[in-house]
Amino acid sequence: MRTESTPREESLQRSQARLAREIRSELLTLPYYSVFDWLEFLVQPDGTVTLRGQVTSPPDTKSRAEAAVKDVEGVSRVVNEIEVLPLSPNDERLREALYRAIYSGPLFRYGVGAQQAIHIIVKNGRATLKGVVDNEGDKTIANVRANTVPGLFEVKNELFVDNRRNKMR
């Protein structure tokens, strides 16, 4: 049974959605945020924002993300759980090889524009694919191509399929 929401609840939901859009925009426009980083967040009703994810670029990316989110109207507190990935020549080599494997061929369209849709996180020789693709086939192709990169211990495919993306094209 569906219950009617009160005007106060609806206002809170709109406010939460606006806050989430603004936070997302701030994070996506951070300097040095790249295809090799992943940021996500959770907004609590009291305005507390928890930041999570992994970044490879300078450690100040973590602090810049926190500072950018703190400046968003409606944010009362920021809990920063972003992990700065360790510097590793081997992981850097794997990132570059994974980028070439995934973004060449049929998935090149996901790499067009300022923000790539498939993010490649590598830590200690283990890769995780994150982001949004149009269909299960593209998710599978990304996984298969990632698994062709020599030197990886593991590939986790955490890509999300959003069929609505096809309808917008």
Protein backbone atom coordinates (compact mmCIF):
# COMPACT_ATOMS: atom_id res chain seq x y z
CA MET A 1 0.00 0.00 0.00
CA ARG A 2 1.36 3.40 -0.97
CA THR A 3 1.18 6.20 1.52
CA GLU A 4 0.92 9.84 0.62
CA SER A 5 3.98 11.90 1.46
CA THR A 6 3.56 15.16 3.27
CA PRO A 7 4.64 18.47 1.73
CA ARG A 8 7.49 18.55 4.29
CA GLU A 9 8.73 15.10 3.16
CA GLU A 10 8.49 16.12 -0.49
CA SER A 11 10.42 19.30 0.22
CA LEU A 12 13.11 17.29 2.05
CA GLN A 13 13.36 14.86 -0.89
CA ARG A 14 13.74 17.73 -3.38
CA SER A 15 16.34 19.33 -1.15
CA GLN A 16 18.28 16.04 -0.87
CA ALA A 17 18.16 15.57 -4.66
CA ARG A 18 19.42 19.13 -5.25
CA LEU A 19 22.19 18.62 -2.73
CA ALA A 20 23.23 15.34 -4.37
CA ARG A 21 23.32 16.98 -7.84
CA GLU A 22 25.48 19.84 -6.58
CA ILE A 23 27.88 17.51 -4.76
CA ARG A 24 28.19 15.30 -7.83
CA SER A 25 28.94 18.33 -9.99
CA GLU A 26 31.62 19.55 -7.57
CA LEU A 27 33.33 16.14 -7.49
CA LEU A 28 33.26 15.63 -11.26
CA THR A 29 34.92 18.98 -11.88
CA LEU A 30 37.80 18.51 -9.45
CA PRO A 31 41.22 19.14 -10.99
CA TYR A 32 43.08 15.87 -11.62
CA TYR A 33 39.94 13.69 -11.25
CA SER A 34 40.48 11.08 -13.95
CA VAL A 35 39.45 7.75 -15.38
CA PHE A 36 41.78 6.14 -12.80
CA ASP A 37 39.89 7.62 -9.83
CA TRP A 38 36.48 6.84 -8.37
CA LEU A 39 34.51 9.04 -6.01
CA GLU A 40 31.13 8.37 -4.49
CA PHE A 41 29.16 9.88 -1.62
CA LEU A 42 26.27 9.36 0.73
CA VAL A 43 24.10 12.25 1.97
CA GLN A 44 22.38 11.91 5.34
CA PRO A 45 19.16 13.83 6.14
CA ASP A 46 21.08 16.02 8.61
CA GLY A 47 23.39 17.26 5.81
CA THR A 48 26.32 15.00 6.68
CA VAL A 49 28.12 13.81 3.54
CA THR A 50 30.34 10.74 3.57
CA LEU A 51 32.92 10.67 0.76
CA ARG A 52 34.31 7.32 -0.40
CA GLY A 53 36.39 6.04 -3.27
CA GLN A 54 39.97 5.86 -4.46
CA VAL A 55 42.23 8.46 -6.04
CA THR A 56 45.60 8.09 -7.74
CA SER A 57 46.53 11.69 -8.38
CA PRO A 58 48.23 13.93 -5.87
CA PRO A 59 47.07 13.37 -2.29
CA ASP A 60 45.52 16.82 -2.32
CA THR A 61 42.71 15.43 -4.51
CA LYS A 62 41.32 13.88 -1.33
CA SER A 63 41.44 17.18 0.54
CA ARG A 64 40.16 19.13 -2.49
CA ALA A 65 37.13 16.84 -2.68
CA GLU A 66 36.37 17.46 0.97
CA ALA A 67 36.82 21.22 0.62
CA ALA A 68 34.60 21.39 -2.48
CA VAL A 69 31.80 19.45 -0.78
CA LYS A 70 32.03 21.51 2.43
CA ASP A 71 31.30 24.62 0.35
CA VAL A 72 28.00 23.24 -0.99
CA GLU A 73 25.01 24.93 0.63
CA GLY A 74 23.16 22.46 2.84
CA VAL A 75 26.20 20.37 3.80
CA SER A 76 26.66 20.42 7.57
CA ARG A 77 29.62 18.03 7.90
CA VAL A 78 31.92 15.96 5.67
CA VAL A 79 33.32 12.54 6.60
CA ASN A 80 36.22 11.87 4.24
CA GLU A 81 36.88 8.15 3.71
CA ILE A 82 38.59 8.55 0.31
CA GLU A 83 41.59 6.25 -0.08
CA VAL A 84 44.75 7.57 -1.73
CA LEU A 85 46.14 4.65 -3.71
CA PRO A 86 49.82 3.89 -3.15
CA LEU A 87 52.38 4.92 -5.73
CA SER A 88 53.36 1.86 -7.72
CA PRO A 89 55.10 1.69 -11.11
CA ASN A 90 53.50 -1.71 -11.72
CA ASP A 91 49.98 -0.43 -10.95
CA GLU A 92 50.61 2.58 -13.21
CA ARG A 93 51.67 0.24 -16.05
CA LEU A 94 48.52 -1.84 -15.49
CA ARG A 95 46.31 1.28 -15.54
CA GLU A 96 47.70 2.33 -18.90
CA ALA A 97 47.39 -1.18 -20.35
CA LEU A 98 43.81 -1.49 -19.09
CA TYR A 99 42.91 1.90 -20.55
CA ARG A 100 44.19 0.84 -23.97
CA ALA A 101 42.47 -2.55 -23.76
CA ILE A 102 39.09 -1.19 -22.70
CA TYR A 103 38.84 2.05 -24.66
CA SER A 104 40.11 0.74 -27.97
CA GLY A 105 37.69 -1.16 -30.13
CA PRO A 106 33.95 -1.32 -29.51
CA LEU A 107 33.99 0.60 -26.21
CA PHE A 108 35.78 3.70 -27.53
CA ARG A 109 32.55 5.74 -27.26
CA TYR A 110 32.70 5.51 -23.48
CA GLY A 111 35.99 7.39 -23.55
CA VAL A 112 34.74 10.38 -25.55
CA GLY A 113 34.28 13.63 -23.65
CA ALA A 114 35.64 15.10 -20.47
CA GLN A 115 34.44 12.27 -18.22
CA GLN A 116 34.98 8.66 -19.21
CA ALA A 117 32.09 6.36 -18.31
CA ILE A 118 34.26 3.40 -17.31
CA HIS A 119 36.67 4.05 -14.45
CA ILE A 120 39.69 1.82 -13.90
CA ILE A 121 40.86 1.41 -10.31
CA VAL A 122 44.09 -0.53 -9.78
CA LYS A 123 45.54 -1.38 -6.39
CA ASN A 124 48.32 -3.89 -5.80
CA GLY A 125 47.82 -5.56 -9.18
CA ARG A 126 44.06 -5.92 -8.76
CA ALA A 127 41.67 -3.99 -10.99
CA THR A 128 38.10 -2.87 -10.42
CA LEU A 129 35.93 -1.48 -13.23
CA LYS A 130 33.38 1.09 -12.06
CA GLY A 131 30.91 3.30 -13.87
CA VAL A 132 27.89 3.05 -16.11
CA VAL A 133 27.45 1.31 -19.46
CA ASP A 134 24.47 1.00 -21.80
CA ASN A 135 23.94 -2.76 -21.74
CA GLU A 136 25.10 -6.15 -20.43
CA GLY A 137 27.05 -6.77 -23.64
CA ASP A 138 29.25 -3.71 -23.08
CA LYS A 139 29.74 -4.74 -19.45
CA THR A 140 30.89 -8.17 -20.61
CA ILE A 141 33.18 -6.75 -23.31
CA ALA A 142 34.86 -4.46 -20.76
CA ASN A 143 35.42 -7.42 -18.45
CA VAL A 144 36.78 -9.68 -21.18
CA ARG A 145 39.13 -6.99 -22.51
CA ALA A 146 40.37 -6.15 -19.00
CA ASN A 147 41.14 -9.80 -18.37
CA THR A 148 43.45 -9.87 -21.40
CA VAL A 149 45.92 -7.51 -19.70
CA PRO A 150 48.94 -9.50 -18.53
CA GLY A 151 50.13 -9.08 -14.96
CA LEU A 152 46.76 -8.57 -13.28
CA PHE A 153 45.91 -10.76 -10.30
CA GLU A 154 42.19 -10.09 -10.48
CA VAL A 155 39.51 -8.04 -12.27
CA LYS A 156 36.28 -7.08 -10.50
CA ASN A 157 33.52 -5.86 -12.77
CA GLU A 158 31.34 -3.41 -10.82
CA LEU A 159 29.95 -1.67 -13.89
CA PHE A 160 26.30 -0.69 -13.65
CA VAL A 161 24.00 -1.17 -16.63
CA ASP A 162 21.64 1.75 -17.24
CA ASN A 163 19.32 0.95 -20.14
CA ARG A 164 17.97 4.51 -20.04
CA ARG A 165 21.23 5.73 -21.58
CA ASN A 166 20.28 4.03 -24.87
CA LYS A 167 16.95 5.85 -24.99
CA MET A 168 18.65 9.25 -24.62
CA ARG A 169 20.90 8.77 -27.63
